[in-house]
Amino acid sequence: MKAWAKHPVIHEINAWVWLNDLSRKCGRAVDFSCVPPEEWDRIAAGGFDAVWFMGVWERSPAGIAIAQRNAGLLDDFRRALPDFVPEDNVGSPYCVRRYVVDPRLGGTQGLAAARAALRERGMRLILDFVPNHVAPDHPWVGEHPEYFVHGSADEAAREPASFVAAGGKFFACGRDPYFPAWPDVLQLNAFQPGLRQAVIDTVADIAAQCDGVRCDMAMLMLNTIFERTWGEQVGPKPAEDYWRAIIPAIKAGQPDFKFIAEAYWDLEWELQQQGFDYCYDKKLYDRLEYSNAESVRLHLLANDAYQQKMLRFIENHDEPRAAKAFPEAKGRAAAVAMMTLPGGKLLHEGQFEGFKVRLPVFLGRRPDEPVDQGLATFYARLLDAVNRDAFRNGDWRLCERSGWPDNQSCIGLLAWQWQMGGERYLVAINYQQSVAQARIHPAWGDLRGRSWRLADRLSDASYDRDGAEMADVGLYVDMAPWQFHLFQLIPL
């Protein structure tokens, strides 16, 4: 395998649902051990650097039973899958019973076969790690109760939804400090020394089976956050932060192993400092969905070290489908923006087809939805356009844009450039509902003295422009609402 790209493109696939789809398509049971080669080829055709198979670990029967008693969850299941039956609830992938590949997905040997198939096609494998909690029937509950956060009988009586009784003890349910406790999982104690070593051993075992982990709700384990959430219940705060203990221990043996943080609350920089290779860029997602081009531009003014360790997305399993959140032309403009920024890029299964049903992670089957062929064609072209070393390992820079005293529509434009060696690209996006005219100012200092062909890799258009004009007064653009260009600059 060649080295990891600096700006990798990652494809998230719901393992259980994908294999269910393949089983229906092939008319036989398909698990990781027997996926038809053409299906691996189909994934590889997208030019992805890695595949995140979400939800491969053994799911909890106790968690399934709890979910089946939850009226709100059942309503969600039926909204997503009108013909839902109890067997469709295969359990939450974030209610892990054991970090062993579920035998119904092909077990450890099946996953090894899948990893080999990906590697043959130049792709790496990413899996999940859930640091904050485990299922109530995880072996640690009986073998190592000291790894968990506990409460008293009085606390359990006052808040019965927040505690589970087992073995004469009251285990706290897992939680995010801003929401009620999750009833199907038990809270691990991030301050417990024995747990930290057990986690190192667990992640080391995971790391032997893949090339990186996406760490669920990673910020919950930061010392400051954990202390604020649990107070005196968890004992004194250790001198060393959780991730500063875990990540170096794994990277000592596998320096190329990647850690990806699901992260919120403006804690991305802190997590990067503690060793994470990439952190979710939820702020960019929110600005693309709810705000405007100028707010996106301001977000992109952060320093390069921060930018290169962000993971960009407009859809994942926790967010609404992009086809609903970013409809029609806006969705295509957002996709071009996301895919041409530095850092990692995350694309969710079904995003290319324009699926609109957000499937609860508990379900092992999805509803049939029509494919938006126009959107699928667009994504195929976009993925091909960015499948170049300039976008994977090149240098990115934000470009200035300017207007005129009586026309400031330029504020709706986003523009940036990529370069690697002699290969150059300029991206321009009118991220607004109105027409924009502007001058875009590339940062290349050697444009003068020749003409350049601007070949749009997302259309069949091309334009010849004078280098001195682009350098001195800027490239003039007149763009329709949500219009975009991905220009390759070719010297003439």
Protein backbone atom coordinates (compact mmCIF):
# COMPACT_ATOMS: atom_id res chain seq x y z
CA MET A 1 0.00 0.00 0.00
CA LYS A 2 1.19 3.49 -0.79
CA ALA A 3 1.32 6.02 2.04
CA TRP A 4 -1.89 7.54 3.38
CA ALA A 5 -2.96 10.58 1.38
CA LYS A 6 -2.66 13.85 3.30
CA HIS A 7 -6.26 14.70 2.32
CA PRO A 8 -7.98 11.28 2.10
CA VAL A 9 -11.47 10.55 0.82
CA ILE A 10 -13.36 8.09 3.04
CA HIS A 11 -16.54 6.21 2.17
CA GLU A 12 -18.83 5.32 5.09
CA ILE A 13 -20.83 2.12 4.52
CA ASN A 14 -23.38 0.67 6.95
CA ALA A 15 -21.96 -2.86 7.05
CA TRP A 16 -25.13 -4.70 8.06
CA VAL A 17 -27.41 -2.90 5.60
CA TRP A 18 -24.92 -3.18 2.74
CA LEU A 19 -24.55 -6.94 3.19
CA ASN A 20 -28.35 -7.26 3.44
CA ASP A 21 -28.69 -5.41 0.13
CA LEU A 22 -26.09 -7.67 -1.49
CA SER A 23 -27.85 -10.77 -0.16
CA ARG A 24 -31.12 -9.65 -1.77
CA LYS A 25 -29.34 -8.72 -4.99
CA CYS A 26 -27.47 -12.04 -5.23
CA GLY A 27 -30.35 -14.22 -4.06
CA ARG A 28 -28.15 -15.84 -1.40
CA ALA A 29 -26.66 -15.01 1.99
CA VAL A 30 -23.68 -12.68 1.57
CA ASP A 31 -21.28 -11.81 4.36
CA PHE A 32 -17.82 -10.23 4.29
CA SER A 33 -16.22 -13.55 3.33
CA CYS A 34 -18.08 -13.92 0.03
CA VAL A 35 -18.76 -10.46 -1.40
CA PRO A 36 -18.69 -10.70 -5.22
CA PRO A 37 -15.48 -9.12 -6.63
CA GLU A 38 -17.49 -6.77 -8.84
CA GLU A 39 -18.95 -5.16 -5.71
CA TRP A 40 -15.47 -4.34 -4.43
CA ASP A 41 -14.68 -3.01 -7.90
CA ARG A 42 -17.76 -0.82 -7.74
CA ILE A 43 -16.52 0.80 -4.51
CA ALA A 44 -12.99 1.18 -5.88
CA ALA A 45 -14.35 3.00 -8.94
CA GLY A 46 -15.12 5.96 -6.65
CA GLY A 47 -11.40 6.51 -6.06
CA PHE A 48 -11.73 6.27 -2.27
CA ASP A 49 -8.67 6.09 -0.06
CA ALA A 50 -10.48 4.18 2.69
CA VAL A 51 -13.80 2.54 3.53
CA TRP A 52 -15.34 2.91 6.98
CA PHE A 53 -17.47 -0.16 7.57
CA MET A 54 -19.75 1.18 10.27
CA GLY A 55 -21.11 -1.35 12.74
CA VAL A 56 -19.11 -4.57 12.40
CA TRP A 57 -18.83 -5.42 16.12
CA GLU A 58 -21.03 -7.88 17.98
CA ARG A 59 -24.28 -6.22 18.96
CA SER A 60 -26.03 -6.63 22.26
CA PRO A 61 -29.14 -8.80 22.73
CA ALA A 62 -29.80 -6.85 25.93
CA GLY A 63 -29.60 -3.61 23.97
CA ILE A 64 -32.01 -4.95 21.35
CA ALA A 65 -34.52 -5.85 24.07
CA ILE A 66 -34.27 -2.36 25.56
CA ALA A 67 -34.79 -0.77 22.13
CA GLN A 68 -37.85 -2.93 21.50
CA ARG A 69 -39.46 -1.43 24.59
CA ASN A 70 -38.74 2.16 23.55
CA ALA A 71 -41.85 3.64 21.93
CA GLY A 72 -39.93 6.60 20.49
CA LEU A 73 -37.39 4.34 18.80
CA LEU A 74 -40.12 2.09 17.43
CA ASP A 75 -41.81 5.14 15.91
CA ASP A 76 -38.51 6.10 14.27
CA PHE A 77 -38.10 2.58 12.94
CA ARG A 78 -41.55 2.62 11.36
CA ARG A 79 -41.05 6.08 9.87
CA ALA A 80 -37.91 4.90 8.12
CA LEU A 81 -39.17 1.40 7.31
CA PRO A 82 -42.98 1.28 7.03
CA ASP A 83 -43.02 -2.53 6.91
CA PHE A 84 -40.75 -2.81 9.98
CA VAL A 85 -40.80 -6.13 11.85
CA PRO A 86 -38.93 -6.86 15.12
CA GLU A 87 -36.26 -8.86 13.27
CA ASP A 88 -35.18 -5.67 11.48
CA ASN A 89 -33.87 -4.33 14.79
CA VAL A 90 -30.38 -5.85 14.84
CA GLY A 91 -29.23 -3.57 17.64
CA SER A 92 -27.25 -0.36 17.86
CA PRO A 93 -23.68 -0.53 16.52
CA TYR A 94 -22.81 1.80 19.40
CA CYS A 95 -24.08 -0.66 22.00
CA VAL A 96 -21.11 -3.01 21.67
CA ARG A 97 -21.27 -6.36 23.44
CA ARG A 98 -17.78 -7.42 22.38
CA TYR A 99 -15.17 -6.04 20.00
CA VAL A 100 -15.46 -9.17 17.90
CA VAL A 101 -16.80 -9.08 14.34
CA ASP A 102 -20.41 -10.23 14.47
CA PRO A 103 -20.58 -13.80 13.15
CA ARG A 104 -23.65 -12.89 11.09
CA LEU A 105 -21.41 -10.51 9.11
CA GLY A 106 -18.75 -13.16 8.52
CA GLY A 107 -16.77 -13.00 11.75
CA THR A 108 -13.10 -12.17 12.06
CA GLN A 109 -12.08 -14.22 9.03
CA GLY A 110 -14.75 -12.59 6.89
CA LEU A 111 -13.55 -9.12 7.84
CA ALA A 112 -9.97 -10.16 7.03
CA ALA A 113 -11.16 -11.20 3.57
CA ALA A 114 -12.89 -7.84 3.12
CA ARG A 115 -9.76 -5.97 4.20
CA ALA A 116 -7.67 -7.96 1.73
CA ALA A 117 -10.13 -7.18 -1.08
CA LEU A 118 -9.96 -3.48 -0.26
CA ARG A 119 -6.17 -3.49 -0.10
CA GLU A 120 -5.93 -5.22 -3.47
CA ARG A 121 -7.76 -2.19 -4.83
CA GLY A 122 -5.65 0.38 -3.00
CA MET A 123 -8.13 1.14 -0.19
CA ARG A 124 -7.73 0.98 3.56
CA LEU A 125 -10.23 -0.13 6.21
CA ILE A 126 -11.61 1.99 9.06
CA LEU A 127 -13.73 0.59 11.91
CA ASP A 128 -15.55 1.95 14.98
CA PHE A 129 -14.38 2.38 18.53
CA VAL A 130 -16.82 3.55 21.21
CA PRO A 131 -14.80 4.87 24.17
CA ASN A 132 -17.59 6.24 26.36
CA HIS A 133 -19.74 3.18 27.02
CA VAL A 134 -20.44 -0.49 26.38
CA ALA A 135 -23.51 -2.72 26.33
CA PRO A 136 -25.00 -3.91 29.63
CA ASP A 137 -24.03 -7.49 28.73
CA HIS A 138 -20.39 -6.68 27.91
CA PRO A 139 -18.01 -9.09 29.71
CA TRP A 140 -16.44 -6.24 31.68
CA VAL A 141 -19.69 -5.77 33.64
CA GLY A 142 -19.12 -9.05 35.47
CA GLU A 143 -15.35 -9.29 35.23
CA HIS A 144 -14.33 -5.69 35.90
CA PRO A 145 -17.12 -3.66 37.50
CA GLU A 146 -14.46 -1.18 38.65
CA TYR A 147 -14.18 0.06 35.04
CA PHE A 148 -17.62 1.68 35.27
CA VAL A 149 -19.26 4.71 36.84
CA HIS A 150 -21.47 3.69 39.76
CA GLY A 151 -24.26 5.27 41.73
CA SER A 152 -26.01 4.61 45.01
CA ALA A 153 -29.33 2.92 45.65
CA ASP A 154 -30.81 6.34 46.49
CA GLU A 155 -29.58 7.83 43.19
CA ALA A 156 -30.99 4.89 41.27
CA ALA A 157 -34.34 5.30 43.04
CA ARG A 158 -34.44 9.03 42.18
CA GLU A 159 -33.36 8.52 38.55
CA PRO A 160 -34.33 5.00 37.53
CA ALA A 161 -33.77 5.78 33.83
CA SER A 162 -30.13 6.65 34.54
CA PHE A 163 -28.97 3.51 36.34
CA VAL A 164 -28.96 -0.25 35.81
CA ALA A 165 -28.71 -2.71 38.71
CA ALA A 166 -26.39 -5.71 38.24
CA GLY A 167 -24.49 -7.91 40.68
CA GLY A 168 -25.60 -5.84 43.64
CA LYS A 169 -24.22 -2.65 42.09
CA PHE A 170 -25.86 0.31 40.38
CA PHE A 171 -24.18 1.14 37.07
CA ALA A 172 -24.67 4.57 35.56
CA CYS A 173 -26.03 4.61 32.03
CA GLY A 174 -23.88 6.28 29.42
CA ARG A 175 -24.55 9.93 28.76
CA ASP A 176 -23.71 13.14 27.00
CA PRO A 177 -23.94 15.95 29.60
CA TYR A 178 -26.52 17.86 27.54
CA PHE A 179 -29.01 15.01 27.10
CA PRO A 180 -30.76 12.32 29.16
CA ALA A 181 -28.85 9.09 29.74
CA TRP A 182 -28.84 6.43 27.03
CA PRO A 183 -30.76 3.50 28.54
CA ASP A 184 -29.05 0.72 26.57
CA VAL A 185 -25.40 1.35 27.54
CA LEU A 186 -23.29 1.59 30.70
CA GLN A 187 -20.86 4.44 31.36
CA LEU A 188 -17.14 3.67 31.47
CA ASN A 189 -14.95 5.60 33.90
CA ALA A 190 -12.32 7.45 31.86
CA PHE A 191 -10.34 8.16 35.06
CA GLN A 192 -9.96 4.50 36.07
CA PRO A 193 -6.34 3.36 35.47
CA GLY A 194 -7.27 -0.26 34.83
CA LEU A 195 -9.79 0.77 32.19
CA ARG A 196 -7.20 2.78 30.30
CA GLN A 197 -4.93 -0.24 29.98
CA ALA A 198 -7.89 -2.40 28.96
CA VAL A 199 -8.77 0.16 26.29
CA ILE A 200 -5.19 0.15 24.98
CA ASP A 201 -5.38 -3.64 24.70
CA THR A 202 -8.79 -3.44 22.99
CA VAL A 203 -7.75 -0.81 20.45
CA ALA A 204 -4.51 -2.69 19.77
CA ASP A 205 -6.62 -5.72 18.88
CA ILE A 206 -8.83 -3.57 16.64
CA ALA A 207 -5.74 -2.03 15.05
CA ALA A 208 -4.52 -5.48 14.03
CA GLN A 209 -7.68 -5.80 11.90
CA CYS A 210 -7.85 -2.40 10.18
CA ASP A 211 -6.03 0.83 9.36
CA GLY A 212 -7.89 3.36 11.51
CA VAL A 213 -10.74 3.92 13.94
CA ARG A 214 -13.56 6.43 14.05
CA CYS A 215 -13.97 7.22 17.75
CA ASP A 216 -17.56 7.87 18.75
CA MET A 217 -18.14 11.07 20.74
CA ALA A 218 -14.41 11.36 21.38
CA MET A 219 -14.63 14.64 23.28
CA LEU A 220 -16.61 13.04 26.13
CA MET A 221 -13.41 11.38 27.37
CA LEU A 222 -11.35 14.57 27.68
CA ASN A 223 -10.41 15.07 31.33
CA THR A 224 -12.13 18.46 31.58
CA ILE A 225 -15.36 17.26 29.95
CA PHE A 226 -15.48 14.00 31.90
CA GLU A 227 -14.90 15.76 35.22
CA ARG A 228 -17.60 18.32 34.41
CA THR A 229 -20.06 15.56 33.47
CA TRP A 230 -19.51 13.20 36.42
CA GLY A 231 -17.88 15.21 39.24
CA GLU A 232 -16.97 13.31 42.38
CA GLN A 233 -18.56 10.08 41.16
CA VAL A 234 -15.47 9.21 39.12
CA GLY A 235 -12.66 10.02 41.55
CA PRO A 236 -9.73 12.39 41.06
CA LYS A 237 -8.77 13.59 37.61
CA PRO A 238 -5.59 11.88 36.35
CA ALA A 239 -2.56 13.99 35.45
CA GLU A 240 -2.58 12.57 31.92
CA ASP A 241 -5.53 13.05 29.58
CA TYR A 242 -7.34 9.97 28.27
CA TRP A 243 -6.37 10.26 24.60
CA ARG A 244 -2.77 11.20 25.42
CA ALA A 245 -2.55 7.78 27.10
CA ILE A 246 -4.37 5.79 24.40
CA ILE A 247 -3.22 7.15 21.04
CA PRO A 248 0.59 7.10 21.53
CA ALA A 249 0.38 3.56 22.91
CA ILE A 250 -1.20 2.37 19.66
CA LYS A 251 0.92 4.48 17.34
CA ALA A 252 4.11 3.20 18.96
CA GLY A 253 3.43 -0.10 17.23
CA GLN A 254 1.53 1.21 14.20
CA PRO A 255 2.61 4.76 13.39
CA ASP A 256 0.41 4.94 10.27
CA PHE A 257 -2.77 3.94 12.13
CA LYS A 258 -5.32 6.77 11.97
CA PHE A 259 -7.56 8.11 14.72
CA ILE A 260 -10.70 10.00 13.65
CA ALA A 261 -12.72 11.88 16.27
CA GLU A 262 -16.42 12.49 16.19
CA ALA A 263 -16.12 15.88 17.85
CA TYR A 264 -18.30 18.85 18.77
CA TRP A 265 -18.32 21.88 21.13
CA ASP A 266 -15.26 23.60 19.57
CA LEU A 267 -12.97 20.91 20.98
CA GLU A 268 -11.51 19.87 17.64
CA TRP A 269 -8.20 21.69 18.17
CA GLU A 270 -7.74 20.17 21.61
CA LEU A 271 -8.37 16.68 20.23
CA GLN A 272 -5.90 17.31 17.43
CA GLN A 273 -3.30 18.28 20.03
CA GLN A 274 -3.97 15.04 21.86
CA GLY A 275 -3.13 12.97 18.81
CA PHE A 276 -6.18 12.72 16.55
CA ASP A 277 -5.39 12.70 12.85
CA TYR A 278 -8.82 14.03 11.84
CA CYS A 279 -11.78 15.58 13.65
CA TYR A 280 -15.34 16.02 12.41
CA ASP A 281 -15.92 19.50 10.99
CA LYS A 282 -19.51 19.94 12.18
CA LYS A 283 -19.08 23.70 12.16
CA LEU A 284 -18.47 23.67 8.41
CA TYR A 285 -21.51 21.44 7.94
CA ASP A 286 -23.70 23.86 9.90
CA ARG A 287 -22.40 26.89 8.01
CA LEU A 288 -22.95 25.21 4.65
CA GLU A 289 -26.48 24.22 5.62
CA TYR A 290 -27.72 27.21 7.62
CA SER A 291 -25.44 30.17 6.94
CA ASN A 292 -23.78 31.81 3.94
CA ALA A 293 -20.62 31.90 1.86
CA GLU A 294 -18.96 34.56 3.98
CA SER A 295 -19.36 32.50 7.18
CA VAL A 296 -17.84 29.52 5.35
CA ARG A 297 -14.93 31.68 4.16
CA LEU A 298 -14.29 32.95 7.69
CA HIS A 299 -14.24 29.37 8.97
CA LEU A 300 -11.60 28.54 6.36
CA LEU A 301 -9.25 31.27 7.61
CA ALA A 302 -8.07 28.97 10.42
CA ASN A 303 -4.43 27.94 10.19
CA ASP A 304 -3.29 25.18 7.85
CA ALA A 305 -2.42 22.71 10.61
CA TYR A 306 -6.01 22.86 11.87
CA GLN A 307 -7.56 22.72 8.39
CA GLN A 308 -5.60 19.68 7.32
CA LYS A 309 -6.85 17.66 10.28
CA MET A 310 -10.55 18.34 9.79
CA LEU A 311 -12.94 15.77 8.31
CA ARG A 312 -15.46 17.45 6.01
CA PHE A 313 -18.91 16.07 5.20
CA ILE A 314 -22.43 17.03 4.18
CA GLU A 315 -23.89 13.71 5.27
CA ASN A 316 -23.14 10.86 7.66
CA HIS A 317 -25.29 8.43 9.62
CA ASP A 318 -25.91 11.02 12.37
CA GLU A 319 -27.12 13.77 10.04
CA PRO A 320 -30.15 14.07 7.76
CA ARG A 321 -29.66 12.84 4.25
CA ALA A 322 -27.90 15.45 2.10
CA ALA A 323 -30.65 15.18 -0.51
CA LYS A 324 -33.02 16.63 2.12
CA ALA A 325 -30.70 18.98 4.00
CA PHE A 326 -29.06 20.33 0.83
CA PRO A 327 -31.68 20.01 -1.90
CA GLU A 328 -31.04 20.25 -5.63
CA ALA A 329 -28.48 22.87 -6.81
CA LYS A 330 -27.40 23.86 -3.30
CA GLY A 331 -26.49 20.24 -2.57
CA ARG A 332 -24.22 20.03 -5.58
CA ALA A 333 -22.51 23.31 -4.69
CA ALA A 334 -22.01 22.09 -1.10
CA ALA A 335 -20.57 18.80 -2.36
CA VAL A 336 -18.07 20.60 -4.59
CA ALA A 337 -17.04 22.81 -1.67
CA MET A 338 -16.64 19.91 0.73
CA MET A 339 -14.73 17.72 -1.73
CA THR A 340 -12.23 20.41 -2.71
CA LEU A 341 -11.19 21.53 0.77
CA PRO A 342 -8.10 20.35 2.65
CA GLY A 343 -8.34 17.64 5.27
CA GLY A 344 -10.26 14.41 5.09
CA LYS A 345 -13.54 14.04 3.23
CA LEU A 346 -16.36 11.73 4.30
CA LEU A 347 -19.02 10.48 1.89
CA HIS A 348 -21.95 8.42 3.13
CA GLU A 349 -23.44 5.40 1.38
CA GLY A 350 -26.62 6.45 -0.45
CA GLN A 351 -25.48 10.07 -0.72
CA PHE A 352 -24.59 9.64 -4.40
CA GLU A 353 -27.97 8.12 -5.23
CA GLY A 354 -29.92 10.90 -3.56
CA PHE A 355 -31.57 8.69 -0.94
CA LYS A 356 -33.71 10.72 1.46
CA VAL A 357 -34.56 8.30 4.28
CA ARG A 358 -32.22 8.61 7.23
CA LEU A 359 -32.04 5.05 8.54
CA PRO A 360 -31.83 4.50 12.30
CA VAL A 361 -28.56 2.69 13.02
CA PHE A 362 -30.46 -0.11 14.78
CA LEU A 363 -31.98 -1.35 11.52
CA GLY A 364 -30.43 -4.04 9.37
CA ARG A 365 -32.56 -3.32 6.34
CA ARG A 366 -33.33 -0.17 4.39
CA PRO A 367 -36.42 0.79 2.37
CA ASP A 368 -36.32 0.79 -1.41
CA GLU A 369 -35.76 4.29 -2.79
CA PRO A 370 -35.47 5.56 -6.35
CA VAL A 371 -32.01 6.56 -7.55
CA ASP A 372 -31.57 10.16 -8.68
CA GLN A 373 -29.65 9.38 -11.85
CA GLY A 374 -28.69 13.02 -12.44
CA LEU A 375 -27.18 13.27 -8.97
CA ALA A 376 -25.39 9.94 -9.37
CA THR A 377 -23.84 11.18 -12.62
CA PHE A 378 -22.77 14.41 -10.93
CA TYR A 379 -21.06 12.58 -8.06
CA ALA A 380 -19.31 10.19 -10.44
CA ARG A 381 -17.84 13.16 -12.28
CA LEU A 382 -16.93 14.99 -9.07
CA LEU A 383 -15.19 11.94 -7.60
CA ASP A 384 -13.26 11.47 -10.82
CA ALA A 385 -12.30 15.16 -10.97
CA VAL A 386 -10.76 15.13 -7.47
CA ASN A 387 -9.11 11.73 -7.86
CA ARG A 388 -5.76 13.36 -8.52
CA ASP A 389 -2.65 13.67 -6.44
CA ALA A 390 -2.97 17.45 -6.41
CA PHE A 391 -6.13 17.13 -4.31
CA ARG A 392 -4.85 14.27 -2.15
CA ASN A 393 -1.37 15.56 -1.36
CA GLY A 394 -1.08 19.05 -2.85
CA ASP A 395 -1.08 22.53 -1.34
CA TRP A 396 -4.37 24.37 -0.81
CA ARG A 397 -4.87 28.11 -0.45
CA LEU A 398 -7.93 30.32 -0.02
CA CYS A 399 -8.31 32.97 -2.75
CA GLU A 400 -9.49 36.54 -2.31
CA ARG A 401 -12.42 37.80 -4.38
CA SER A 402 -13.52 41.39 -4.97
CA GLY A 403 -16.40 43.32 -6.48
CA TRP A 404 -17.17 46.94 -7.26
CA PRO A 405 -18.64 49.80 -5.20
CA ASP A 406 -22.06 49.30 -6.78
CA ASN A 407 -21.87 45.47 -6.89
CA GLN A 408 -20.85 43.47 -3.85
CA SER A 409 -22.37 40.18 -4.99
CA CYS A 410 -18.81 38.80 -4.68
CA ILE A 411 -19.55 38.17 -1.00
CA GLY A 412 -21.54 35.12 -2.06
CA LEU A 413 -18.54 33.53 -3.77
CA LEU A 414 -16.11 30.95 -2.42
CA ALA A 415 -12.78 30.47 -4.16
CA TRP A 416 -9.59 28.50 -3.51
CA GLN A 417 -6.72 26.90 -5.35
CA TRP A 418 -4.70 23.67 -5.34
CA GLN A 419 -1.23 23.02 -6.67
CA MET A 420 1.15 20.10 -6.84
CA GLY A 421 4.20 20.55 -9.01
CA GLY A 422 3.05 21.95 -12.31
CA GLU A 423 -0.57 20.89 -11.81
CA ARG A 424 -2.94 23.70 -10.77
CA TYR A 425 -6.65 23.93 -10.03
CA LEU A 426 -8.93 26.84 -9.21
CA VAL A 427 -12.32 26.29 -7.56
CA ALA A 428 -15.08 28.92 -7.71
CA ILE A 429 -18.54 28.45 -6.17
CA ASN A 430 -21.42 30.91 -6.10
CA TYR A 431 -22.88 29.76 -2.78
CA GLN A 432 -26.08 31.82 -2.80
CA GLN A 433 -29.50 32.06 -4.42
CA SER A 434 -28.63 35.09 -6.59
CA VAL A 435 -26.29 35.85 -9.45
CA ALA A 436 -22.75 36.98 -8.60
CA GLN A 437 -20.06 38.85 -10.49
CA ALA A 438 -16.57 39.15 -9.10
CA ARG A 439 -12.86 39.16 -9.67
CA ILE A 440 -11.11 36.13 -8.20
CA HIS A 441 -7.46 36.66 -7.26
CA PRO A 442 -5.35 33.50 -7.53
CA ALA A 443 -2.27 33.49 -5.31
CA TRP A 444 0.12 32.18 -7.96
CA GLY A 445 2.87 34.69 -8.70
CA ASP A 446 3.94 33.28 -12.05
CA LEU A 447 0.79 33.67 -14.16
CA ARG A 448 2.05 36.63 -16.19
CA GLY A 449 3.74 36.30 -19.54
CA ARG A 450 1.45 33.67 -21.06
CA SER A 451 -2.15 32.70 -21.67
CA TRP A 452 -3.86 29.94 -19.74
CA ARG A 453 -6.64 27.54 -20.62
CA LEU A 454 -9.16 27.12 -17.81
CA ALA A 455 -10.67 23.67 -18.40
CA ASP A 456 -13.67 22.99 -16.16
CA ARG A 457 -13.40 19.39 -14.98
CA LEU A 458 -17.05 19.40 -13.89
CA SER A 459 -18.37 20.40 -17.31
CA ASP A 460 -17.19 20.47 -20.91
CA ALA A 461 -16.48 24.21 -20.83
CA SER A 462 -13.06 25.80 -21.22
CA TYR A 463 -11.88 29.41 -21.39
CA ASP A 464 -8.62 31.01 -22.48
CA ARG A 465 -7.45 33.88 -20.29
CA ASP A 466 -4.44 36.19 -20.13
CA GLY A 467 -2.15 35.45 -17.19
CA ALA A 468 -1.30 39.10 -16.56
CA GLU A 469 -4.97 40.00 -16.26
CA MET A 470 -5.60 37.17 -13.79
CA ALA A 471 -2.57 38.20 -11.74
CA ASP A 472 -3.11 41.96 -11.79
CA VAL A 473 -6.88 42.52 -11.73
CA GLY A 474 -8.22 39.03 -11.13
CA LEU A 475 -10.21 36.45 -13.06
CA TYR A 476 -13.63 37.84 -13.95
CA VAL A 477 -16.55 35.48 -13.26
CA ASP A 478 -20.29 35.90 -13.77
CA MET A 479 -22.04 32.99 -12.05
CA ALA A 480 -25.62 31.85 -11.73
CA PRO A 481 -27.04 30.88 -8.30
CA TRP A 482 -25.24 27.82 -6.87
CA GLN A 483 -23.03 27.56 -9.97
CA PHE A 484 -19.52 26.14 -9.58
CA HIS A 485 -16.33 25.64 -11.56
CA LEU A 486 -13.37 23.36 -10.97
CA PHE A 487 -10.82 24.78 -13.40
CA GLN A 488 -7.58 23.08 -14.31
CA LEU A 489 -5.11 25.75 -15.44
CA ILE A 490 -3.16 24.63 -18.47
CA PRO A 491 -0.42 26.92 -19.87
CA LEU A 492 -0.74 27.73 -23.58
